[in-house]
Amino acid sequence: MTENSKREESISADHSIDITELICPMTFVRTKLLLEKIAPGEILDVRLKGEEPLINVPRSARQHGHTVLALEPETPDEPPNGIHRLLIRKEET
């Protein structure tokens, strides 16, 4: 078990969004809209898949001043571009 997996298991998300059916740039647009609605310190669980979203959504969240707590495959046998869970803590921006 990786450090991120341990961290993810101990973190309870306050909100969640599934963007597995979206393509960039809508993946981060939807994530950003929800981040704007939640309170600083709350955690967003983002379900995503595909090479571009797996790179762009965490990077964009960091660029907007939020903290990426974990990015892990949803299941142990998930392919590299398969479904992942991204945990983001909203920061004061």
PDB file of N, CA and C in Angstrom:
ATOM      1  N   MET A   1       0.841  -1.173   0.000  1.00  0.00           N
ATOM      2  CA  MET A   1       0.000   0.000   0.000  1.00  0.00           C
ATOM      3  C   MET A   1       0.888   1.240   0.000  1.00  0.00           C
ATOM      4  N   THR A   2       0.594   2.187  -0.885  1.00  0.00           N
ATOM      5  CA  THR A   2       1.404   3.389  -0.965  1.00  0.00           C
ATOM      6  C   THR A   2       0.982   4.389   0.094  1.00  0.00           C
ATOM      7  N   GLU A   3       1.831   5.383   0.293  1.00  0.00           N
ATOM      8  CA  GLU A   3       1.508   6.437   1.257  1.00  0.00           C
ATOM      9  C   GLU A   3       0.219   7.144   0.856  1.00  0.00           C
ATOM     10  N   ASN A   4       0.042   7.406  -0.458  1.00  0.00           N
ATOM     11  CA  ASN A   4      -1.181   8.051  -0.918  1.00  0.00           C
ATOM     12  C   ASN A   4      -2.406   7.208  -0.615  1.00  0.00           C
ATOM     13  N   SER A   5      -2.298   5.887  -0.760  1.00  0.00           N
ATOM     14  CA  SER A   5      -3.431   5.017  -0.461  1.00  0.00           C
ATOM     15  C   SER A   5      -3.804   5.116   1.006  1.00  0.00           C
ATOM     16  N   LYS A   6      -2.811   5.090   1.878  1.00  0.00           N
ATOM     17  CA  LYS A   6      -3.083   5.208   3.310  1.00  0.00           C
ATOM     18  C   LYS A   6      -3.744   6.542   3.607  1.00  0.00           C
ATOM     19  N   ARG A   7      -3.247   7.588   2.981  1.00  0.00           N
ATOM     20  CA  ARG A   7      -3.784   8.919   3.201  1.00  0.00           C
ATOM     21  C   ARG A   7      -5.225   8.973   2.723  1.00  0.00           C
ATOM     22  N   GLU A   8      -5.500   8.401   1.540  1.00  0.00           N
ATOM     23  CA  GLU A   8      -6.844   8.436   0.980  1.00  0.00           C
ATOM     24  C   GLU A   8      -7.836   7.708   1.879  1.00  0.00           C
ATOM     25  N   GLU A   9      -7.433   6.575   2.436  1.00  0.00           N
ATOM     26  CA  GLU A   9      -8.321   5.808   3.299  1.00  0.00           C
ATOM     27  C   GLU A   9      -8.698   6.588   4.550  1.00  0.00           C
ATOM     28  N   SER A  10      -7.823   7.449   5.034  1.00  0.00           N
ATOM     29  CA  SER A  10      -8.086   8.164   6.271  1.00  0.00           C
ATOM     30  C   SER A  10      -8.755   9.518   6.038  1.00  0.00           C
ATOM     31  N   ILE A  11      -8.942   9.902   4.792  1.00  0.00           N
ATOM     32  CA  ILE A  11      -9.541  11.188   4.469  1.00  0.00           C
ATOM     33  C   ILE A  11     -10.984  10.978   4.028  1.00  0.00           C
ATOM     34  N   SER A  12     -11.859  11.745   4.634  1.00  0.00           N
ATOM     35  CA  SER A  12     -13.265  11.680   4.277  1.00  0.00           C
ATOM     36  C   SER A  12     -13.604  12.890   3.410  1.00  0.00           C
ATOM     37  N   ALA A  13     -14.092  12.636   2.199  1.00  0.00           N
ATOM     38  CA  ALA A  13     -14.448  13.730   1.298  1.00  0.00           C
ATOM     39  C   ALA A  13     -15.773  14.354   1.719  1.00  0.00           C
ATOM     40  N   ASP A  14     -15.848  15.657   1.559  1.00  0.00           N
ATOM     41  CA  ASP A  14     -17.075  16.394   1.860  1.00  0.00           C
ATOM     42  C   ASP A  14     -17.998  16.460   0.647  1.00  0.00           C
ATOM     43  N   HIS A  15     -17.405  16.379  -0.550  1.00  0.00           N
ATOM     44  CA  HIS A  15     -18.152  16.497  -1.803  1.00  0.00           C
ATOM     45  C   HIS A  15     -17.528  15.552  -2.817  1.00  0.00           C
ATOM     46  N   SER A  16     -18.292  15.200  -3.839  1.00  0.00           N
ATOM     47  CA  SER A  16     -17.735  14.345  -4.892  1.00  0.00           C
ATOM     48  C   SER A  16     -18.321  14.732  -6.238  1.00  0.00           C
ATOM     49  N   ILE A  17     -17.561  14.398  -7.274  1.00  0.00           N
ATOM     50  CA  ILE A  17     -17.988  14.645  -8.636  1.00  0.00           C
ATOM     51  C   ILE A  17     -17.419  13.537  -9.521  1.00  0.00           C
ATOM     52  N   ASP A  18     -18.190  13.105 -10.489  1.00  0.00           N
ATOM     53  CA  ASP A  18     -17.764  12.088 -11.439  1.00  0.00           C
ATOM     54  C   ASP A  18     -17.623  12.753 -12.801  1.00  0.00           C
ATOM     55  N   ILE A  19     -16.382  12.843 -13.292  1.00  0.00           N
ATOM     56  CA  ILE A  19     -16.139  13.464 -14.596  1.00  0.00           C
ATOM     57  C   ILE A  19     -15.578  12.443 -15.594  1.00  0.00           C
ATOM     58  N   THR A  20     -15.859  11.170 -15.352  1.00  0.00           N
ATOM     59  CA  THR A  20     -15.308  10.111 -16.202  1.00  0.00           C
ATOM     60  C   THR A  20     -15.828  10.169 -17.638  1.00  0.00           C
ATOM     61  N   GLU A  21     -16.979  10.759 -17.844  1.00  0.00           N
ATOM     62  CA  GLU A  21     -17.552  10.814 -19.189  1.00  0.00           C
ATOM     63  C   GLU A  21     -17.215  12.105 -19.928  1.00  0.00           C
ATOM     64  N   LEU A  22     -16.493  13.006 -19.290  1.00  0.00           N
ATOM     65  CA  LEU A  22     -16.164  14.295 -19.897  1.00  0.00           C
ATOM     66  C   LEU A  22     -14.783  14.267 -20.528  1.00  0.00           C
ATOM     67  N   ILE A  23     -14.559  15.198 -21.458  1.00  0.00           N
ATOM     68  CA  ILE A  23     -13.243  15.356 -22.062  1.00  0.00           C
ATOM     69  C   ILE A  23     -12.719  16.747 -21.732  1.00  0.00           C
ATOM     70  N   CYS A  24     -11.398  16.902 -21.807  1.00  0.00           N
ATOM     71  CA  CYS A  24     -10.780  18.201 -21.540  1.00  0.00           C
ATOM     72  C   CYS A  24     -11.262  19.206 -22.577  1.00  0.00           C
ATOM     73  N   PRO A  25     -11.508  20.431 -22.224  1.00  0.00           N
ATOM     74  CA  PRO A  25     -11.244  21.084 -20.953  1.00  0.00           C
ATOM     75  C   PRO A  25     -12.406  20.998 -19.957  1.00  0.00           C
ATOM     76  N   MET A  26     -13.501  20.331 -20.325  1.00  0.00           N
ATOM     77  CA  MET A  26     -14.669  20.285 -19.442  1.00  0.00           C
ATOM     78  C   MET A  26     -14.371  19.554 -18.132  1.00  0.00           C
ATOM     79  N   THR A  27     -13.375  18.676 -18.130  1.00  0.00           N
ATOM     80  CA  THR A  27     -13.058  17.961 -16.895  1.00  0.00           C
ATOM     81  C   THR A  27     -12.691  18.933 -15.789  1.00  0.00           C
ATOM     82  N   PHE A  28     -11.804  19.880 -16.071  1.00  0.00           N
ATOM     83  CA  PHE A  28     -11.446  20.825 -15.017  1.00  0.00           C
ATOM     84  C   PHE A  28     -12.498  21.912 -14.852  1.00  0.00           C
ATOM     85  N   VAL A  29     -13.193  22.280 -15.899  1.00  0.00           N
ATOM     86  CA  VAL A  29     -14.244  23.295 -15.779  1.00  0.00           C
ATOM     87  C   VAL A  29     -15.276  22.843 -14.749  1.00  0.00           C
ATOM     88  N   ARG A  30     -15.735  21.612 -14.849  1.00  0.00           N
ATOM     89  CA  ARG A  30     -16.718  21.092 -13.891  1.00  0.00           C
ATOM     90  C   ARG A  30     -16.131  21.005 -12.482  1.00  0.00           C
ATOM     91  N   THR A  31     -14.888  20.557 -12.397  1.00  0.00           N
ATOM     92  CA  THR A  31     -14.217  20.470 -11.096  1.00  0.00           C
ATOM     93  C   THR A  31     -14.082  21.858 -10.480  1.00  0.00           C
ATOM     94  N   LYS A  32     -13.653  22.827 -11.271  1.00  0.00           N
ATOM     95  CA  LYS A  32     -13.460  24.197 -10.790  1.00  0.00           C
ATOM     96  C   LYS A  32     -14.781  24.804 -10.321  1.00  0.00           C
ATOM     97  N   LEU A  33     -15.860  24.574 -11.056  1.00  0.00           N
ATOM     98  CA  LEU A  33     -17.163  25.117 -10.652  1.00  0.00           C
ATOM     99  C   LEU A  33     -17.588  24.581  -9.284  1.00  0.00           C
ATOM    100  N   LEU A  34     -17.338  23.307  -9.034  1.00  0.00           N
ATOM    101  CA  LEU A  34     -17.690  22.745  -7.732  1.00  0.00           C
ATOM    102  C   LEU A  34     -16.752  23.271  -6.646  1.00  0.00           C
ATOM    103  N   LEU A  35     -15.466  23.386  -6.952  1.00  0.00           N
ATOM    104  CA  LEU A  35     -14.520  23.939  -5.980  1.00  0.00           C
ATOM    105  C   LEU A  35     -14.917  25.357  -5.570  1.00  0.00           C
ATOM    106  N   GLU A  36     -15.455  26.124  -6.502  1.00  0.00           N
ATOM    107  CA  GLU A  36     -15.875  27.492  -6.195  1.00  0.00           C
ATOM    108  C   GLU A  36     -17.055  27.520  -5.224  1.00  0.00           C
ATOM    109  N   LYS A  37     -17.846  26.465  -5.201  1.00  0.00           N
ATOM    110  CA  LYS A  37     -19.047  26.418  -4.362  1.00  0.00           C
ATOM    111  C   LYS A  37     -18.784  25.909  -2.948  1.00  0.00           C
ATOM    112  N   ILE A  38     -17.685  25.193  -2.746  1.00  0.00           N
ATOM    113  CA  ILE A  38     -17.450  24.593  -1.431  1.00  0.00           C
ATOM    114  C   ILE A  38     -16.590  25.515  -0.567  1.00  0.00           C
ATOM    115  N   ALA A  39     -16.600  25.261   0.721  1.00  0.00           N
ATOM    116  CA  ALA A  39     -15.867  26.100   1.675  1.00  0.00           C
ATOM    117  C   ALA A  39     -14.383  25.715   1.734  1.00  0.00           C
ATOM    118  N   PRO A  40     -13.520  26.696   2.006  1.00  0.00           N
ATOM    119  CA  PRO A  40     -12.099  26.390   2.203  1.00  0.00           C
ATOM    120  C   PRO A  40     -11.935  25.330   3.289  1.00  0.00           C
ATOM    121  N   GLY A  41     -11.022  24.394   3.043  1.00  0.00           N
ATOM    122  CA  GLY A  41     -10.773  23.304   3.988  1.00  0.00           C
ATOM    123  C   GLY A  41     -11.565  22.053   3.669  1.00  0.00           C
ATOM    124  N   GLU A  42     -12.624  22.186   2.885  1.00  0.00           N
ATOM    125  CA  GLU A  42     -13.403  20.998   2.511  1.00  0.00           C
ATOM    126  C   GLU A  42     -12.674  20.220   1.429  1.00  0.00           C
ATOM    127  N   ILE A  43     -13.001  18.931   1.360  1.00  0.00           N
ATOM    128  CA  ILE A  43     -12.309  18.034   0.435  1.00  0.00           C
ATOM    129  C   ILE A  43     -13.264  17.555  -0.641  1.00  0.00           C
ATOM    130  N   LEU A  44     -12.770  17.601  -1.876  1.00  0.00           N
ATOM    131  CA  LEU A  44     -13.518  17.161  -3.043  1.00  0.00           C
ATOM    132  C   LEU A  44     -12.914  15.869  -3.574  1.00  0.00           C
ATOM    133  N   ASP A  45     -13.755  14.863  -3.763  1.00  0.00           N
ATOM    134  CA  ASP A  45     -13.361  13.580  -4.357  1.00  0.00           C
ATOM    135  C   ASP A  45     -13.783  13.622  -5.818  1.00  0.00           C
ATOM    136  N   VAL A  46     -12.796  13.575  -6.723  1.00  0.00           N
ATOM    137  CA  VAL A  46     -13.056  13.642  -8.155  1.00  0.00           C
ATOM    138  C   VAL A  46     -12.781  12.272  -8.759  1.00  0.00           C
ATOM    139  N   ARG A  47     -13.773  11.722  -9.422  1.00  0.00           N
ATOM    140  CA  ARG A  47     -13.630  10.442 -10.129  1.00  0.00           C
ATOM    141  C   ARG A  47     -13.363  10.792 -11.594  1.00  0.00           C
ATOM    142  N   LEU A  48     -12.206  10.377 -12.115  1.00  0.00           N
ATOM    143  CA  LEU A  48     -11.809  10.763 -13.463  1.00  0.00           C
ATOM    144  C   LEU A  48     -11.080   9.631 -14.165  1.00  0.00           C
ATOM    145  N   LYS A  49     -10.951   9.750 -15.476  1.00  0.00           N
ATOM    146  CA  LYS A  49     -10.202   8.748 -16.244  1.00  0.00           C
ATOM    147  C   LYS A  49      -9.672   9.368 -17.519  1.00  0.00           C
ATOM    148  N   GLY A  50      -8.634   8.750 -18.062  1.00  0.00           N
ATOM    149  CA  GLY A  50      -8.030   9.201 -19.307  1.00  0.00           C
ATOM    150  C   GLY A  50      -6.742   9.971 -19.063  1.00  0.00           C
ATOM    151  N   GLU A  51      -5.849   9.882 -20.024  1.00  0.00           N
ATOM    152  CA  GLU A  51      -4.523  10.481 -19.876  1.00  0.00           C
ATOM    153  C   GLU A  51      -4.572  11.990 -19.617  1.00  0.00           C
ATOM    154  N   GLU A  52      -5.318  12.732 -20.426  1.00  0.00           N
ATOM    155  CA  GLU A  52      -5.356  14.186 -20.262  1.00  0.00           C
ATOM    156  C   GLU A  52      -5.946  14.605 -18.915  1.00  0.00           C
ATOM    157  N   PRO A  53      -7.119  14.109 -18.529  1.00  0.00           N
ATOM    158  CA  PRO A  53      -7.658  14.504 -17.223  1.00  0.00           C
ATOM    159  C   PRO A  53      -6.749  14.125 -16.056  1.00  0.00           C
ATOM    160  N   LEU A  54      -6.095  12.967 -16.145  1.00  0.00           N
ATOM    161  CA  LEU A  54      -5.215  12.544 -15.050  1.00  0.00           C
ATOM    162  C   LEU A  54      -4.019  13.469 -14.882  1.00  0.00           C
ATOM    163  N   ILE A  55      -3.633  14.130 -15.940  1.00  0.00           N
ATOM    164  CA  ILE A  55      -2.528  15.100 -15.874  1.00  0.00           C
ATOM    165  C   ILE A  55      -3.066  16.501 -15.591  1.00  0.00           C
ATOM    166  N   ASN A  56      -4.074  16.906 -16.367  1.00  0.00           N
ATOM    167  CA  ASN A  56      -4.525  18.296 -16.343  1.00  0.00           C
ATOM    168  C   ASN A  56      -5.323  18.697 -15.109  1.00  0.00           C
ATOM    169  N   VAL A  57      -6.198  17.834 -14.606  1.00  0.00           N
ATOM    170  CA  VAL A  57      -7.042  18.230 -13.475  1.00  0.00           C
ATOM    171  C   VAL A  57      -6.213  18.454 -12.206  1.00  0.00           C
ATOM    172  N   PRO A  58      -5.332  17.529 -11.817  1.00  0.00           N
ATOM    173  CA  PRO A  58      -4.507  17.809 -10.626  1.00  0.00           C
ATOM    174  C   PRO A  58      -3.607  19.039 -10.816  1.00  0.00           C
ATOM    175  N   ARG A  59      -3.031  19.169 -12.001  1.00  0.00           N
ATOM    176  CA  ARG A  59      -2.147  20.312 -12.272  1.00  0.00           C
ATOM    177  C   ARG A  59      -2.928  21.630 -12.181  1.00  0.00           C
ATOM    178  N   SER A  60      -4.104  21.672 -12.781  1.00  0.00           N
ATOM    179  CA  SER A  60      -4.921  22.884 -12.745  1.00  0.00           C
ATOM    180  C   SER A  60      -5.378  23.211 -11.330  1.00  0.00           C
ATOM    181  N   ALA A  61      -5.724  22.187 -10.561  1.00  0.00           N
ATOM    182  CA  ALA A  61      -6.132  22.420  -9.169  1.00  0.00           C
ATOM    183  C   ALA A  61      -4.989  23.064  -8.390  1.00  0.00           C
ATOM    184  N   ARG A  62      -3.775  22.556  -8.569  1.00  0.00           N
ATOM    185  CA  ARG A  62      -2.605  23.141  -7.894  1.00  0.00           C
ATOM    186  C   ARG A  62      -2.372  24.582  -8.358  1.00  0.00           C
ATOM    187  N   GLN A  63      -2.495  24.812  -9.670  1.00  0.00           N
ATOM    188  CA  GLN A  63      -2.276  26.152 -10.206  1.00  0.00           C
ATOM    189  C   GLN A  63      -3.285  27.157  -9.646  1.00  0.00           C
ATOM    190  N   HIS A  64      -4.463  26.679  -9.279  1.00  0.00           N
ATOM    191  CA  HIS A  64      -5.482  27.550  -8.702  1.00  0.00           C
ATOM    192  C   HIS A  64      -5.342  27.657  -7.178  1.00  0.00           C
ATOM    193  N   GLY A  65      -4.271  27.079  -6.630  1.00  0.00           N
ATOM    194  CA  GLY A  65      -3.962  27.252  -5.224  1.00  0.00           C
ATOM    195  C   GLY A  65      -4.529  26.198  -4.288  1.00  0.00           C
ATOM    196  N   HIS A  66      -5.079  25.112  -4.826  1.00  0.00           N
ATOM    197  CA  HIS A  66      -5.644  24.063  -3.996  1.00  0.00           C
ATOM    198  C   HIS A  66      -4.605  22.961  -3.776  1.00  0.00           C
ATOM    199  N   THR A  67      -4.862  22.094  -2.799  1.00  0.00           N
ATOM    200  CA  THR A  67      -3.924  21.031  -2.453  1.00  0.00           C
ATOM    201  C   THR A  67      -4.434  19.690  -2.947  1.00  0.00           C
ATOM    202  N   VAL A  68      -3.609  18.997  -3.723  1.00  0.00           N
ATOM    203  CA  VAL A  68      -3.931  17.644  -4.156  1.00  0.00           C
ATOM    204  C   VAL A  68      -3.451  16.699  -3.065  1.00  0.00           C
ATOM    205  N   LEU A  69      -4.384  16.009  -2.440  1.00  0.00           N
ATOM    206  CA  LEU A  69      -4.061  15.110  -1.332  1.00  0.00           C
ATOM    207  C   LEU A  69      -3.714  13.706  -1.806  1.00  0.00           C
ATOM    208  N   ALA A  70      -4.356  13.252  -2.882  1.00  0.00           N
ATOM    209  CA  ALA A  70      -4.106  11.902  -3.374  1.00  0.00           C
ATOM    210  C   ALA A  70      -4.629  11.762  -4.795  1.00  0.00           C
ATOM    211  N   LEU A  71      -3.989  10.901  -5.555  1.00  0.00           N
ATOM    212  CA  LEU A  71      -4.448  10.486  -6.884  1.00  0.00           C
ATOM    213  C   LEU A  71      -4.114   9.015  -6.996  1.00  0.00           C
ATOM    214  N   GLU A  72      -5.148   8.177  -6.923  1.00  0.00           N
ATOM    215  CA  GLU A  72      -4.947   6.730  -6.883  1.00  0.00           C
ATOM    216  C   GLU A  72      -5.940   6.027  -7.810  1.00  0.00           C
ATOM    217  N   PRO A  73      -5.537   4.880  -8.381  1.00  0.00           N
ATOM    218  CA  PRO A  73      -6.489   4.089  -9.163  1.00  0.00           C
ATOM    219  C   PRO A  73      -7.676   3.688  -8.283  1.00  0.00           C
ATOM    220  N   GLU A  74      -8.851   3.622  -8.886  1.00  0.00           N
ATOM    221  CA  GLU A  74     -10.045   3.261  -8.129  1.00  0.00           C
ATOM    222  C   GLU A  74      -9.972   1.819  -7.623  1.00  0.00           C
ATOM    223  N   THR A  75      -9.410   0.948  -8.434  1.00  0.00           N
ATOM    224  CA  THR A  75      -9.215  -0.443  -8.028  1.00  0.00           C
ATOM    225  C   THR A  75      -7.763  -0.819  -8.270  1.00  0.00           C
ATOM    226  N   PRO A  76      -7.250  -1.809  -7.547  1.00  0.00           N
ATOM    227  CA  PRO A  76      -5.839  -2.200  -7.704  1.00  0.00           C
ATOM    228  C   PRO A  76      -5.468  -2.636  -9.126  1.00  0.00           C
ATOM    229  N   ASP A  77      -6.419  -3.201  -9.875  1.00  0.00           N
ATOM    230  CA  ASP A  77      -6.106  -3.691 -11.222  1.00  0.00           C
ATOM    231  C   ASP A  77      -6.507  -2.704 -12.316  1.00  0.00           C
ATOM    232  N   GLU A  78      -6.744  -1.455 -11.947  1.00  0.00           N
ATOM    233  CA  GLU A  78      -7.147  -0.424 -12.911  1.00  0.00           C
ATOM    234  C   GLU A  78      -5.999  -0.142 -13.874  1.00  0.00           C
ATOM    235  N   PRO A  79      -6.281  -0.049 -15.191  1.00  0.00           N
ATOM    236  CA  PRO A  79      -5.212   0.300 -16.135  1.00  0.00           C
ATOM    237  C   PRO A  79      -4.708   1.728 -15.887  1.00  0.00           C
ATOM    238  N   PRO A  80      -3.508   2.067 -16.370  1.00  0.00           N
ATOM    239  CA  PRO A  80      -2.919   3.383 -16.100  1.00  0.00           C
ATOM    240  C   PRO A  80      -3.825   4.570 -16.458  1.00  0.00           C
ATOM    241  N   ASN A  81      -4.597   4.469 -17.521  1.00  0.00           N
ATOM    242  CA  ASN A  81      -5.496   5.559 -17.908  1.00  0.00           C
ATOM    243  C   ASN A  81      -6.939   5.276 -17.517  1.00  0.00           C
ATOM    244  N   GLY A  82      -7.126   4.307 -16.631  1.00  0.00           N
ATOM    245  CA  GLY A  82      -8.461   3.937 -16.175  1.00  0.00           C
ATOM    246  C   GLY A  82      -8.977   4.901 -15.118  1.00  0.00           C
ATOM    247  N   ILE A  83     -10.024   4.493 -14.442  1.00  0.00           N
ATOM    248  CA  ILE A  83     -10.672   5.351 -13.458  1.00  0.00           C
ATOM    249  C   ILE A  83      -9.795   5.523 -12.223  1.00  0.00           C
ATOM    250  N   HIS A  84      -9.621   6.775 -11.833  1.00  0.00           N
ATOM    251  CA  HIS A  84      -8.833   7.151 -10.655  1.00  0.00           C
ATOM    252  C   HIS A  84      -9.670   8.033  -9.751  1.00  0.00           C
ATOM    253  N   ARG A  85      -9.248   8.137  -8.494  1.00  0.00           N
ATOM    254  CA  ARG A  85      -9.865   9.050  -7.524  1.00  0.00           C
ATOM    255  C   ARG A  85      -8.840  10.112  -7.164  1.00  0.00           C
ATOM    256  N   LEU A  86      -9.257  11.344  -7.270  1.00  0.00           N
ATOM    257  CA  LEU A  86      -8.415  12.491  -6.958  1.00  0.00           C
ATOM    258  C   LEU A  86      -9.041  13.212  -5.779  1.00  0.00           C
ATOM    259  N   LEU A  87      -8.270  13.420  -4.727  1.00  0.00           N
ATOM    260  CA  LEU A  87      -8.747  14.163  -3.566  1.00  0.00           C
ATOM    261  C   LEU A  87      -8.089  15.534  -3.543  1.00  0.00           C
ATOM    262  N   ILE A  88      -8.931  16.565  -3.524  1.00  0.00           N
ATOM    263  CA  ILE A  88      -8.464  17.948  -3.542  1.00  0.00           C
ATOM    264  C   ILE A  88      -9.008  18.663  -2.315  1.00  0.00           C
ATOM    265  N   ARG A  89      -8.124  19.339  -1.584  1.00  0.00           N
ATOM    266  CA  ARG A  89      -8.577  20.185  -0.479  1.00  0.00           C
ATOM    267  C   ARG A  89      -8.634  21.617  -0.986  1.00  0.00           C
ATOM    268  N   LYS A  90      -9.812  22.242  -0.861  1.00  0.00           N
ATOM    269  CA  LYS A  90      -9.938  23.629  -1.282  1.00  0.00           C
ATOM    270  C   LYS A  90      -9.189  24.527  -0.306  1.00  0.00           C
ATOM    271  N   GLU A  91      -8.390  25.414  -0.857  1.00  0.00           N
ATOM    272  CA  GLU A  91      -7.639  26.371  -0.054  1.00  0.00           C
ATOM    273  C   GLU A  91      -8.222  27.762  -0.277  1.00  0.00           C
ATOM    274  N   GLU A  92      -7.930  28.665   0.643  1.00  0.00           N
ATOM    275  CA  GLU A  92      -8.307  30.071   0.454  1.00  0.00           C
ATOM    276  C   GLU A  92      -7.570  30.569  -0.786  1.00  0.00           C
ATOM    277  N   THR A  93      -8.287  31.158  -1.694  1.00  0.00           N
ATOM    278  CA  THR A  93      -7.622  31.675  -2.903  1.00  0.00           C
ATOM    279  C   THR A  93      -7.959  33.124  -3.120  1.00  0.00           C
TER     280      THR A  93
END
